mmCIF file of all heavy atoms, coordinates in Angstrom:
data_MODEL
# 
_entry.id   MODEL 
# 
loop_
_atom_site.group_PDB 
_atom_site.id 
_atom_site.type_symbol 
_atom_site.label_atom_id 
_atom_site.label_alt_id 
_atom_site.label_comp_id 
_atom_site.label_asym_id 
_atom_site.label_entity_id 
_atom_site.label_seq_id 
_atom_site.pdbx_PDB_ins_code 
_atom_site.Cartn_x 
_atom_site.Cartn_y 
_atom_site.Cartn_z 
_atom_site.occupancy 
_atom_site.B_iso_or_equiv 
_atom_site.pdbx_formal_charge 
_atom_site.auth_seq_id 
_atom_site.auth_comp_id 
_atom_site.auth_asym_id 
_atom_site.auth_atom_id 
_atom_site.pdbx_PDB_model_num 
ATOM 1   N N   . LEU A 1 1  ? 0.825   -1.207 0.001  1.00 0.00 ? 1  LEU A N   1 
ATOM 2   C CA  . LEU A 1 1  ? 0.003   -0.004 0.001  1.00 0.00 ? 1  LEU A CA  1 
ATOM 3   C C   . LEU A 1 1  ? 0.867   1.252  0.000  1.00 0.00 ? 1  LEU A C   1 
ATOM 4   O O   . LEU A 1 1  ? 0.532   2.249  -0.656 1.00 0.00 ? 1  LEU A O   1 
ATOM 5   C CB  . LEU A 1 1  ? -0.932  0.001  1.219  1.00 0.00 ? 1  LEU A CB  1 
ATOM 6   C CG  . LEU A 1 1  ? -1.886  -1.175 1.340  1.00 0.00 ? 1  LEU A CG  1 
ATOM 7   C CD1 . LEU A 1 1  ? -2.814  -0.990 2.543  1.00 0.00 ? 1  LEU A CD1 1 
ATOM 8   C CD2 . LEU A 1 1  ? -2.711  -1.390 0.075  1.00 0.00 ? 1  LEU A CD2 1 
ATOM 9   N N   . ALA A 1 2  ? 1.966   1.224  0.738  1.00 0.00 ? 2  ALA A N   1 
ATOM 10  C CA  . ALA A 1 2  ? 2.892   2.376  0.758  1.00 0.00 ? 2  ALA A CA  1 
ATOM 11  C C   . ALA A 1 2  ? 3.440   2.634  -0.644 1.00 0.00 ? 2  ALA A C   1 
ATOM 12  O O   . ALA A 1 2  ? 3.549   3.785  -1.083 1.00 0.00 ? 2  ALA A O   1 
ATOM 13  C CB  . ALA A 1 2  ? 4.026   2.104  1.733  1.00 0.00 ? 2  ALA A CB  1 
ATOM 14  N N   . ARG A 1 3  ? 3.752   1.555  -1.371 1.00 0.00 ? 3  ARG A N   1 
ATOM 15  C CA  . ARG A 1 3  ? 4.262   1.726  -2.743 1.00 0.00 ? 3  ARG A CA  1 
ATOM 16  C C   . ARG A 1 3  ? 3.203   2.345  -3.640 1.00 0.00 ? 3  ARG A C   1 
ATOM 17  O O   . ARG A 1 3  ? 3.479   3.296  -4.382 1.00 0.00 ? 3  ARG A O   1 
ATOM 18  C CB  . ARG A 1 3  ? 4.693   0.367  -3.301 1.00 0.00 ? 3  ARG A CB  1 
ATOM 19  C CG  . ARG A 1 3  ? 5.349   0.442  -4.673 1.00 0.00 ? 3  ARG A CG  1 
ATOM 20  C CD  . ARG A 1 3  ? 5.547   -0.932 -5.262 1.00 0.00 ? 3  ARG A CD  1 
ATOM 21  N NE  . ARG A 1 3  ? 4.290   -1.596 -5.592 1.00 0.00 ? 3  ARG A NE  1 
ATOM 22  C CZ  . ARG A 1 3  ? 3.577   -1.324 -6.683 1.00 0.00 ? 3  ARG A CZ  1 
ATOM 23  N NH1 . ARG A 1 3  ? 3.979   -0.389 -7.535 1.00 0.00 ? 3  ARG A NH1 1 
ATOM 24  N NH2 . ARG A 1 3  ? 2.451   -1.983 -6.924 1.00 0.00 ? 3  ARG A NH2 1 
ATOM 25  N N   . LEU A 1 4  ? 1.964   1.861  -3.539 1.00 0.00 ? 4  LEU A N   1 
ATOM 26  C CA  . LEU A 1 4  ? 0.888   2.389  -4.378 1.00 0.00 ? 4  LEU A CA  1 
ATOM 27  C C   . LEU A 1 4  ? 0.574   3.843  -4.072 1.00 0.00 ? 4  LEU A C   1 
ATOM 28  O O   . LEU A 1 4  ? 0.214   4.621  -4.971 1.00 0.00 ? 4  LEU A O   1 
ATOM 29  C CB  . LEU A 1 4  ? -0.375  1.539  -4.194 1.00 0.00 ? 4  LEU A CB  1 
ATOM 30  C CG  . LEU A 1 4  ? -0.365  0.120  -4.753 1.00 0.00 ? 4  LEU A CG  1 
ATOM 31  C CD1 . LEU A 1 4  ? -1.648  -0.612 -4.385 1.00 0.00 ? 4  LEU A CD1 1 
ATOM 32  C CD2 . LEU A 1 4  ? -0.188  0.154  -6.272 1.00 0.00 ? 4  LEU A CD2 1 
ATOM 33  N N   . ALA A 1 5  ? 0.678   4.216  -2.791 1.00 0.00 ? 5  ALA A N   1 
ATOM 34  C CA  . ALA A 1 5  ? 0.344   5.575  -2.362 1.00 0.00 ? 5  ALA A CA  1 
ATOM 35  C C   . ALA A 1 5  ? 1.543   6.517  -2.360 1.00 0.00 ? 5  ALA A C   1 
ATOM 36  O O   . ALA A 1 5  ? 1.411   7.677  -1.980 1.00 0.00 ? 5  ALA A O   1 
ATOM 37  C CB  . ALA A 1 5  ? -0.285  5.536  -0.982 1.00 0.00 ? 5  ALA A CB  1 
ATOM 38  N N   . SER A 1 6  ? 2.709   6.017  -2.766 1.00 0.00 ? 6  SER A N   1 
ATOM 39  C CA  . SER A 1 6  ? 3.953   6.805  -2.779 1.00 0.00 ? 6  SER A CA  1 
ATOM 40  C C   . SER A 1 6  ? 4.271   7.365  -1.399 1.00 0.00 ? 6  SER A C   1 
ATOM 41  O O   . SER A 1 6  ? 4.590   8.549  -1.239 1.00 0.00 ? 6  SER A O   1 
ATOM 42  C CB  . SER A 1 6  ? 3.859   7.944  -3.809 1.00 0.00 ? 6  SER A CB  1 
ATOM 43  O OG  . SER A 1 6  ? 3.633   7.421  -5.106 1.00 0.00 ? 6  SER A OG  1 
ATOM 44  N N   . LEU A 1 7  ? 4.176   6.516  -0.391 1.00 0.00 ? 7  LEU A N   1 
ATOM 45  C CA  . LEU A 1 7  ? 4.489   6.884  0.985  1.00 0.00 ? 7  LEU A CA  1 
ATOM 46  C C   . LEU A 1 7  ? 5.632   6.010  1.491  1.00 0.00 ? 7  LEU A C   1 
ATOM 47  O O   . LEU A 1 7  ? 5.823   4.894  1.030  1.00 0.00 ? 7  LEU A O   1 
ATOM 48  C CB  . LEU A 1 7  ? 3.271   6.676  1.877  1.00 0.00 ? 7  LEU A CB  1 
ATOM 49  C CG  . LEU A 1 7  ? 2.104   7.650  1.695  1.00 0.00 ? 7  LEU A CG  1 
ATOM 50  C CD1 . LEU A 1 7  ? 0.875   7.134  2.467  1.00 0.00 ? 7  LEU A CD1 1 
ATOM 51  C CD2 . LEU A 1 7  ? 2.474   9.046  2.186  1.00 0.00 ? 7  LEU A CD2 1 
ATOM 52  N N   . SER A 1 8  ? 6.375   6.545  2.470  1.00 0.00 ? 8  SER A N   1 
ATOM 53  C CA  . SER A 1 8  ? 7.456   5.750  3.051  1.00 0.00 ? 8  SER A CA  1 
ATOM 54  C C   . SER A 1 8  ? 6.896   4.619  3.924  1.00 0.00 ? 8  SER A C   1 
ATOM 55  O O   . SER A 1 8  ? 7.552   3.589  4.107  1.00 0.00 ? 8  SER A O   1 
ATOM 56  C CB  . SER A 1 8  ? 8.369   6.649  3.899  1.00 0.00 ? 8  SER A CB  1 
ATOM 57  O OG  . SER A 1 8  ? 7.640   7.291  4.927  1.00 0.00 ? 8  SER A OG  1 
ATOM 58  N N   . ALA A 1 9  ? 5.690   4.822  4.480  1.00 0.00 ? 9  ALA A N   1 
ATOM 59  C CA  . ALA A 1 9  ? 5.063   3.795  5.298  1.00 0.00 ? 9  ALA A CA  1 
ATOM 60  C C   . ALA A 1 9  ? 3.551   3.930  5.215  1.00 0.00 ? 9  ALA A C   1 
ATOM 61  O O   . ALA A 1 9  ? 3.022   5.036  5.045  1.00 0.00 ? 9  ALA A O   1 
ATOM 62  C CB  . ALA A 1 9  ? 5.527   3.888  6.755  1.00 0.00 ? 9  ALA A CB  1 
ATOM 63  N N   . PHE A 1 10 ? 2.866   2.816  5.339  1.00 0.00 ? 10 PHE A N   1 
ATOM 64  C CA  . PHE A 1 10 ? 1.401   2.797  5.348  1.00 0.00 ? 10 PHE A CA  1 
ATOM 65  C C   . PHE A 1 10 ? 1.016   1.807  6.435  1.00 0.00 ? 10 PHE A C   1 
ATOM 66  O O   . PHE A 1 10 ? 1.387   0.642  6.393  1.00 0.00 ? 10 PHE A O   1 
ATOM 67  C CB  . PHE A 1 10 ? 0.876   2.336  3.988  1.00 0.00 ? 10 PHE A CB  1 
ATOM 68  C CG  . PHE A 1 10 ? -0.556  2.688  3.716  1.00 0.00 ? 10 PHE A CG  1 
ATOM 69  C CD1 . PHE A 1 10 ? -0.893  3.572  2.704  1.00 0.00 ? 10 PHE A CD1 1 
ATOM 70  C CD2 . PHE A 1 10 ? -1.577  2.128  4.472  1.00 0.00 ? 10 PHE A CD2 1 
ATOM 71  C CE1 . PHE A 1 10 ? -2.223  3.899  2.436  1.00 0.00 ? 10 PHE A CE1 1 
ATOM 72  C CE2 . PHE A 1 10 ? -2.898  2.460  4.219  1.00 0.00 ? 10 PHE A CE2 1 
ATOM 73  C CZ  . PHE A 1 10 ? -3.221  3.340  3.200  1.00 0.00 ? 10 PHE A CZ  1 
ATOM 74  N N   . HIS A 1 11 ? 0.262   2.263  7.414  1.00 0.00 ? 11 HIS A N   1 
ATOM 75  C CA  . HIS A 1 11 ? 0.026   1.458  8.608  1.00 0.00 ? 11 HIS A CA  1 
ATOM 76  C C   . HIS A 1 11 ? -1.329  0.751  8.571  1.00 0.00 ? 11 HIS A C   1 
ATOM 77  O O   . HIS A 1 11 ? -2.340  1.347  8.206  1.00 0.00 ? 11 HIS A O   1 
ATOM 78  C CB  . HIS A 1 11 ? 0.110   2.330  9.858  1.00 0.00 ? 11 HIS A CB  1 
ATOM 79  C CG  . HIS A 1 11 ? 1.456   2.974  10.033 1.00 0.00 ? 11 HIS A CG  1 
ATOM 80  N ND1 . HIS A 1 11 ? 2.545   2.281  10.502 1.00 0.00 ? 11 HIS A ND1 1 
ATOM 81  C CD2 . HIS A 1 11 ? 1.887   4.231  9.782  1.00 0.00 ? 11 HIS A CD2 1 
ATOM 82  C CE1 . HIS A 1 11 ? 3.592   3.084  10.532 1.00 0.00 ? 11 HIS A CE1 1 
ATOM 83  N NE2 . HIS A 1 11 ? 3.216   4.272  10.103 1.00 0.00 ? 11 HIS A NE2 1 
ATOM 84  N N   . LEU A 1 12 ? -1.332  -0.493 9.004  1.00 0.00 ? 12 LEU A N   1 
ATOM 85  C CA  . LEU A 1 12 ? -2.566  -1.262 9.163  1.00 0.00 ? 12 LEU A CA  1 
ATOM 86  C C   . LEU A 1 12 ? -2.845  -1.435 10.657 1.00 0.00 ? 12 LEU A C   1 
ATOM 87  O O   . LEU A 1 12 ? -1.933  -1.663 11.447 1.00 0.00 ? 12 LEU A O   1 
ATOM 88  C CB  . LEU A 1 12 ? -2.438  -2.654 8.523  1.00 0.00 ? 12 LEU A CB  1 
ATOM 89  C CG  . LEU A 1 12 ? -2.131  -2.717 7.039  1.00 0.00 ? 12 LEU A CG  1 
ATOM 90  C CD1 . LEU A 1 12 ? -2.097  -4.171 6.594  1.00 0.00 ? 12 LEU A CD1 1 
ATOM 91  C CD2 . LEU A 1 12 ? -3.170  -1.940 6.229  1.00 0.00 ? 12 LEU A CD2 1 
ATOM 92  N N   . LEU A 1 13 ? -4.122  -1.318 11.029 1.00 0.00 ? 13 LEU A N   1 
ATOM 93  C CA  . LEU A 1 13 ? -4.580  -1.552 12.392 1.00 0.00 ? 13 LEU A CA  1 
ATOM 94  C C   . LEU A 1 13 ? -5.763  -2.515 12.356 1.00 0.00 ? 13 LEU A C   1 
ATOM 95  O O   . LEU A 1 13 ? -6.548  -2.482 11.414 1.00 0.00 ? 13 LEU A O   1 
ATOM 96  C CB  . LEU A 1 13 ? -5.070  -0.247 13.041 1.00 0.00 ? 13 LEU A CB  1 
ATOM 97  C CG  . LEU A 1 13 ? -4.089  0.802  13.495 1.00 0.00 ? 13 LEU A CG  1 
ATOM 98  C CD1 . LEU A 1 13 ? -4.866  2.001  14.016 1.00 0.00 ? 13 LEU A CD1 1 
ATOM 99  C CD2 . LEU A 1 13 ? -3.179  0.275  14.582 1.00 0.00 ? 13 LEU A CD2 1 
ATOM 100 N N   . ASN A 1 14 ? -5.901  -3.331 13.380 1.00 0.00 ? 14 ASN A N   1 
ATOM 101 C CA  . ASN A 1 14 ? -7.159  -4.052 13.541 1.00 0.00 ? 14 ASN A CA  1 
ATOM 102 C C   . ASN A 1 14 ? -8.282  -3.029 13.648 1.00 0.00 ? 14 ASN A C   1 
ATOM 103 O O   . ASN A 1 14 ? -8.113  -1.978 14.270 1.00 0.00 ? 14 ASN A O   1 
ATOM 104 C CB  . ASN A 1 14 ? -7.082  -4.913 14.803 1.00 0.00 ? 14 ASN A CB  1 
ATOM 105 C CG  . ASN A 1 14 ? -8.422  -5.521 15.158 1.00 0.00 ? 14 ASN A CG  1 
ATOM 106 O OD1 . ASN A 1 14 ? -9.174  -4.946 15.941 1.00 0.00 ? 14 ASN A OD1 1 
ATOM 107 N ND2 . ASN A 1 14 ? -8.738  -6.659 14.581 1.00 0.00 ? 14 ASN A ND2 1 
ATOM 108 N N   . ASP A 1 15 ? -9.431  -3.309 13.051 1.00 0.00 ? 15 ASP A N   1 
ATOM 109 C CA  . ASP A 1 15 ? -10.494 -2.295 12.989 1.00 0.00 ? 15 ASP A CA  1 
ATOM 110 C C   . ASP A 1 15 ? -11.021 -1.890 14.371 1.00 0.00 ? 15 ASP A C   1 
ATOM 111 O O   . ASP A 1 15 ? -11.357 -0.727 14.593 1.00 0.00 ? 15 ASP A O   1 
ATOM 112 C CB  . ASP A 1 15 ? -11.638 -2.754 12.076 1.00 0.00 ? 15 ASP A CB  1 
ATOM 113 C CG  . ASP A 1 15 ? -12.287 -4.054 12.522 1.00 0.00 ? 15 ASP A CG  1 
ATOM 114 O OD1 . ASP A 1 15 ? -11.668 -4.809 13.296 1.00 0.00 ? 15 ASP A OD1 1 
ATOM 115 O OD2 . ASP A 1 15 ? -13.412 -4.332 12.073 1.00 0.00 ? 15 ASP A OD2 1 
ATOM 116 N N   . LEU A 1 16 ? -11.070 -2.837 15.316 1.00 0.00 ? 16 LEU A N   1 
ATOM 117 C CA  . LEU A 1 16 ? -11.553 -2.470 16.660 1.00 0.00 ? 16 LEU A CA  1 
ATOM 118 C C   . LEU A 1 16 ? -10.502 -1.706 17.454 1.00 0.00 ? 16 LEU A C   1 
ATOM 119 O O   . LEU A 1 16 ? -10.837 -0.860 18.280 1.00 0.00 ? 16 LEU A O   1 
ATOM 120 C CB  . LEU A 1 16 ? -11.997 -3.714 17.406 1.00 0.00 ? 16 LEU A CB  1 
ATOM 121 C CG  . LEU A 1 16 ? -13.499 -4.014 17.357 1.00 0.00 ? 16 LEU A CG  1 
ATOM 122 C CD1 . LEU A 1 16 ? -14.315 -3.031 18.164 1.00 0.00 ? 16 LEU A CD1 1 
ATOM 123 C CD2 . LEU A 1 16 ? -14.012 -4.065 15.933 1.00 0.00 ? 16 LEU A CD2 1 
ATOM 124 N N   . GLU A 1 17 ? -9.238  -1.972 17.182 1.00 0.00 ? 17 GLU A N   1 
ATOM 125 C CA  . GLU A 1 17 ? -8.178  -1.158 17.776 1.00 0.00 ? 17 GLU A CA  1 
ATOM 126 C C   . GLU A 1 17 ? -8.306  0.284  17.279 1.00 0.00 ? 17 GLU A C   1 
ATOM 127 O O   . GLU A 1 17 ? -8.166  1.246  18.036 1.00 0.00 ? 17 GLU A O   1 
ATOM 128 C CB  . GLU A 1 17 ? -6.804  -1.727 17.399 1.00 0.00 ? 17 GLU A CB  1 
ATOM 129 C CG  . GLU A 1 17 ? -5.632  -0.979 18.008 1.00 0.00 ? 17 GLU A CG  1 
ATOM 130 C CD  . GLU A 1 17 ? -4.292  -1.539 17.558 1.00 0.00 ? 17 GLU A CD  1 
ATOM 131 O OE1 . GLU A 1 17 ? -4.263  -2.454 16.709 1.00 0.00 ? 17 GLU A OE1 1 
ATOM 132 O OE2 . GLU A 1 17 ? -3.270  -1.051 18.051 1.00 0.00 ? 17 GLU A OE2 1 
ATOM 133 N N   . ALA A 1 18 ? -8.607  0.430  15.987 1.00 0.00 ? 18 ALA A N   1 
ATOM 134 C CA  . ALA A 1 18 ? -8.816  1.754  15.407 1.00 0.00 ? 18 ALA A CA  1 
ATOM 135 C C   . ALA A 1 18 ? -9.998  2.464  16.064 1.00 0.00 ? 18 ALA A C   1 
ATOM 136 O O   . ALA A 1 18 ? -9.938  3.644  16.383 1.00 0.00 ? 18 ALA A O   1 
ATOM 137 C CB  . ALA A 1 18 ? -9.035  1.652  13.901 1.00 0.00 ? 18 ALA A CB  1 
ATOM 138 N N   . VAL A 1 19 ? -11.096 1.712  16.310 1.00 0.00 ? 19 VAL A N   1 
ATOM 139 C CA  . VAL A 1 19 ? -12.241 2.284  17.022 1.00 0.00 ? 19 VAL A CA  1 
ATOM 140 C C   . VAL A 1 19 ? -11.814 2.777  18.399 1.00 0.00 ? 19 VAL A C   1 
ATOM 141 O O   . VAL A 1 19 ? -12.219 3.852  18.851 1.00 0.00 ? 19 VAL A O   1 
ATOM 142 C CB  . VAL A 1 19 ? -13.377 1.244  17.144 1.00 0.00 ? 19 VAL A CB  1 
ATOM 143 C CG1 . VAL A 1 19 ? -14.448 1.728  18.102 1.00 0.00 ? 19 VAL A CG1 1 
ATOM 144 C CG2 . VAL A 1 19 ? -13.989 0.961  15.788 1.00 0.00 ? 19 VAL A CG2 1 
ATOM 145 N N   . GLY A 1 20 ? -10.964 2.007  19.060 1.00 0.00 ? 20 GLY A N   1 
ATOM 146 C CA  . GLY A 1 20 ? -10.468 2.403  20.375 1.00 0.00 ? 20 GLY A CA  1 
ATOM 147 C C   . GLY A 1 20 ? -9.761  3.742  20.344 1.00 0.00 ? 20 GLY A C   1 
ATOM 148 O O   . GLY A 1 20 ? -9.945  4.587  21.232 1.00 0.00 ? 20 GLY A O   1 
ATOM 149 N N   . PHE A 1 21 ? -8.955  3.986  19.325 1.00 0.00 ? 21 PHE A N   1 
ATOM 150 C CA  . PHE A 1 21 ? -8.266  5.267  19.201 1.00 0.00 ? 21 PHE A CA  1 
ATOM 151 C C   . PHE A 1 21 ? -9.245  6.413  18.977 1.00 0.00 ? 21 PHE A C   1 
ATOM 152 O O   . PHE A 1 21 ? -8.970  7.561  19.314 1.00 0.00 ? 21 PHE A O   1 
ATOM 153 C CB  . PHE A 1 21 ? -7.266  5.229  18.032 1.00 0.00 ? 21 PHE A CB  1 
ATOM 154 C CG  . PHE A 1 21 ? -5.944  4.604  18.385 1.00 0.00 ? 21 PHE A CG  1 
ATOM 155 C CD1 . PHE A 1 21 ? -5.614  3.337  17.956 1.00 0.00 ? 21 PHE A CD1 1 
ATOM 156 C CD2 . PHE A 1 21 ? -5.030  5.303  19.168 1.00 0.00 ? 21 PHE A CD2 1 
ATOM 157 C CE1 . PHE A 1 21 ? -4.401  2.769  18.277 1.00 0.00 ? 21 PHE A CE1 1 
ATOM 158 C CE2 . PHE A 1 21 ? -3.801  4.746  19.489 1.00 0.00 ? 21 PHE A CE2 1 
ATOM 159 C CZ  . PHE A 1 21 ? -3.482  3.467  19.043 1.00 0.00 ? 21 PHE A CZ  1 
ATOM 160 N N   . GLY A 1 22 ? -10.415 6.095  18.407 1.00 0.00 ? 22 GLY A N   1 
ATOM 161 C CA  . GLY A 1 22 ? -11.375 7.150  18.104 1.00 0.00 ? 22 GLY A CA  1 
ATOM 162 C C   . GLY A 1 22 ? -12.326 7.522  19.229 1.00 0.00 ? 22 GLY A C   1 
ATOM 163 O O   . GLY A 1 22 ? -13.026 8.533  19.126 1.00 0.00 ? 22 GLY A O   1 
ATOM 164 N N   . LEU A 1 23 ? -12.385 6.734  20.301 1.00 0.00 ? 23 LEU A N   1 
ATOM 165 C CA  . LEU A 1 23 ? -13.392 6.959  21.335 1.00 0.00 ? 23 LEU A CA  1 
ATOM 166 C C   . LEU A 1 23 ? -13.325 8.363  21.922 1.00 0.00 ? 23 LEU A C   1 
ATOM 167 O O   . LEU A 1 23 ? -14.365 9.006  22.144 1.00 0.00 ? 23 LEU A O   1 
ATOM 168 C CB  . LEU A 1 23 ? -13.257 5.919  22.454 1.00 0.00 ? 23 LEU A CB  1 
ATOM 169 C CG  . LEU A 1 23 ? -13.640 4.485  22.106 1.00 0.00 ? 23 LEU A CG  1 
ATOM 170 C CD1 . LEU A 1 23 ? -13.488 3.586  23.327 1.00 0.00 ? 23 LEU A CD1 1 
ATOM 171 C CD2 . LEU A 1 23 ? -15.058 4.400  21.566 1.00 0.00 ? 23 LEU A CD2 1 
ATOM 172 N N   . ASP A 1 24 ? -12.137 8.844  22.195 1.00 0.00 ? 24 ASP A N   1 
ATOM 173 C CA  . ASP A 1 24 ? -12.014 10.168 22.831 1.00 0.00 ? 24 ASP A CA  1 
ATOM 174 C C   . ASP A 1 24 ? -12.348 11.317 21.888 1.00 0.00 ? 24 ASP A C   1 
ATOM 175 O O   . ASP A 1 24 ? -12.444 12.471 22.323 1.00 0.00 ? 24 ASP A O   1 
ATOM 176 C CB  . ASP A 1 24 ? -10.615 10.354 23.418 1.00 0.00 ? 24 ASP A CB  1 
ATOM 177 C CG  . ASP A 1 24 ? -10.425 9.572  24.711 1.00 0.00 ? 24 ASP A CG  1 
ATOM 178 O OD1 . ASP A 1 24 ? -11.430 9.298  25.388 1.00 0.00 ? 24 ASP A OD1 1 
ATOM 179 O OD2 . ASP A 1 24 ? -9.269  9.233  25.036 1.00 0.00 ? 24 ASP A OD2 1 
# 
């Protein structure tokens, strides 16, 4: 994904972990 988006890094998260980051 990083190659396709021309980024040095592209991060994957479990979807519920991502929800956890969004709660606040």
